[in-house]
Amino acid sequence: MASLYDVLGISIGASCVEIKAAYRKLARTYHPDVVAMNQKESSAHQFMIIHSAYSTLSDPEKRAQYDTEIYRYRRSANMASMAGRNHTFSCAGGSGRKWETDQCW
């Protein structure tokens, strides 16, 4: 699933001016009033996603809450992906050891 930053095509550190500019550019492209008749339904759906992203990221309190949630999600996803890995490292002797059970001297 794309983040709200991805939806607007901006970086996480984007300023309010950059957020608004990205929103306006996308709104001119996807607003149902400016697309062809046969694209109105899909365009309306896409525009609602864009508008939702803008309304969250343009409000400092909502943005801070979203950033906290996305950080927690990415951190937990990263921890889950690391849980299944076999973590090894080399010591002075060059042998691989599992960090869960052994220690290097």
Protein backbone atom coordinates (compact mmCIF):
# COMPACT_ATOMS: atom_id res chain seq x y z
CA MET A 1 0.00 0.00 0.00
CA ALA A 2 1.35 3.41 -0.95
CA SER A 3 1.93 6.00 1.74
CA LEU A 4 0.16 9.35 1.59
CA TYR A 5 3.49 10.87 0.59
CA ASP A 6 3.66 8.45 -2.34
CA VAL A 7 0.11 9.34 -3.36
CA LEU A 8 1.10 13.01 -3.69
CA GLY A 9 4.54 12.19 -5.11
CA ILE A 10 6.44 14.08 -2.41
CA SER A 11 9.14 13.30 0.13
CA ILE A 12 8.47 12.80 3.82
CA GLY A 13 10.19 16.09 4.61
CA ALA A 14 8.05 18.11 2.16
CA SER A 15 7.01 21.60 3.22
CA CYS A 16 3.41 22.84 3.30
CA VAL A 17 4.05 24.72 0.06
CA GLU A 18 5.31 21.54 -1.65
CA ILE A 19 2.32 19.56 -0.37
CA LYS A 20 -0.13 22.13 -1.69
CA ALA A 21 1.63 22.39 -5.06
CA ALA A 22 1.62 18.60 -5.50
CA TYR A 23 -2.07 18.43 -4.56
CA ARG A 24 -3.06 21.19 -6.97
CA LYS A 25 -1.12 19.58 -9.82
CA LEU A 26 -2.80 16.20 -9.23
CA ALA A 27 -6.22 17.80 -8.71
CA ARG A 28 -6.00 19.46 -12.13
CA THR A 29 -5.30 16.04 -13.63
CA TYR A 30 -7.74 13.80 -11.75
CA HIS A 31 -10.67 16.03 -10.77
CA PRO A 32 -13.87 14.51 -12.23
CA ASP A 33 -14.87 17.84 -13.76
CA VAL A 34 -11.80 17.93 -16.02
CA VAL A 35 -11.56 14.35 -17.31
CA ALA A 36 -13.35 12.69 -20.20
CA MET A 37 -16.81 11.27 -19.56
CA ASN A 38 -15.64 7.65 -19.80
CA GLN A 39 -13.00 8.22 -17.08
CA LYS A 40 -15.12 10.03 -14.48
CA GLU A 41 -15.69 7.07 -12.17
CA SER A 42 -12.06 5.98 -11.90
CA SER A 43 -10.97 9.60 -11.80
CA ALA A 44 -13.37 10.35 -8.94
CA HIS A 45 -11.95 7.46 -6.92
CA GLN A 46 -8.37 8.56 -7.56
CA PHE A 47 -9.26 12.17 -6.71
CA MET A 48 -10.75 11.10 -3.38
CA ILE A 49 -7.50 9.30 -2.50
CA ILE A 50 -5.48 12.38 -3.46
CA HIS A 51 -7.78 14.68 -1.49
CA SER A 52 -7.59 12.42 1.57
CA ALA A 53 -3.78 12.45 1.41
CA TYR A 54 -3.77 16.23 1.12
CA SER A 55 -6.21 16.77 3.97
CA THR A 56 -4.06 14.63 6.28
CA LEU A 57 -0.65 15.99 5.27
CA SER A 58 -1.71 19.64 5.15
CA ASP A 59 -2.91 19.59 8.78
CA PRO A 60 0.12 19.64 11.14
CA GLU A 61 -1.60 17.61 13.87
CA LYS A 62 -2.96 14.95 11.48
CA ARG A 63 0.41 14.79 9.72
CA ALA A 64 2.27 14.26 12.99
CA GLN A 65 -0.12 11.47 13.96
CA TYR A 66 0.19 9.87 10.51
CA ASP A 67 4.00 10.08 10.61
CA THR A 68 3.99 8.38 14.01
CA GLU A 69 1.72 5.60 12.75
CA ILE A 70 3.70 5.01 9.57
CA TYR A 71 6.96 4.93 11.54
CA ARG A 72 5.52 2.30 13.88
CA TYR A 73 4.18 0.27 10.96
CA ARG A 74 7.48 0.33 9.07
CA ARG A 75 9.42 -0.48 12.22
CA SER A 76 7.21 -3.46 13.08
CA ALA A 77 7.33 -4.68 9.46
CA ASN A 78 11.12 -4.40 9.49
CA MET A 79 11.35 -6.28 12.80
CA ALA A 80 9.05 -9.02 11.47
CA SER A 81 11.15 -9.46 8.34
CA MET A 82 14.32 -9.67 10.42
CA ALA A 83 12.84 -12.27 12.77
CA GLY A 84 13.00 -15.01 10.14
CA ARG A 85 16.61 -14.37 9.14
CA ASN A 86 19.66 -16.29 10.32
CA HIS A 87 21.82 -13.52 11.76
CA THR A 88 25.51 -14.38 11.60
CA PHE A 89 28.71 -12.39 11.81
CA SER A 90 32.41 -13.07 11.58
CA CYS A 91 34.78 -12.92 14.52
CA ALA A 92 38.55 -12.59 14.51
CA GLY A 93 38.82 -16.31 13.76
CA GLY A 94 36.62 -15.90 10.69
CA SER A 95 33.94 -18.38 11.73
CA GLY A 96 30.29 -17.39 11.43
CA ARG A 97 28.44 -17.37 14.71
CA LYS A 98 24.78 -16.95 15.51
CA TRP A 99 24.34 -13.87 17.62
CA GLU A 100 21.45 -15.43 19.52
CA THR A 101 23.62 -18.09 21.13
CA ASP A 102 27.30 -17.25 20.77
CA GLN A 103 29.57 -14.33 21.55
CA CYS A 104 32.81 -13.18 20.01
CA TRP A 105 35.83 -12.87 22.28
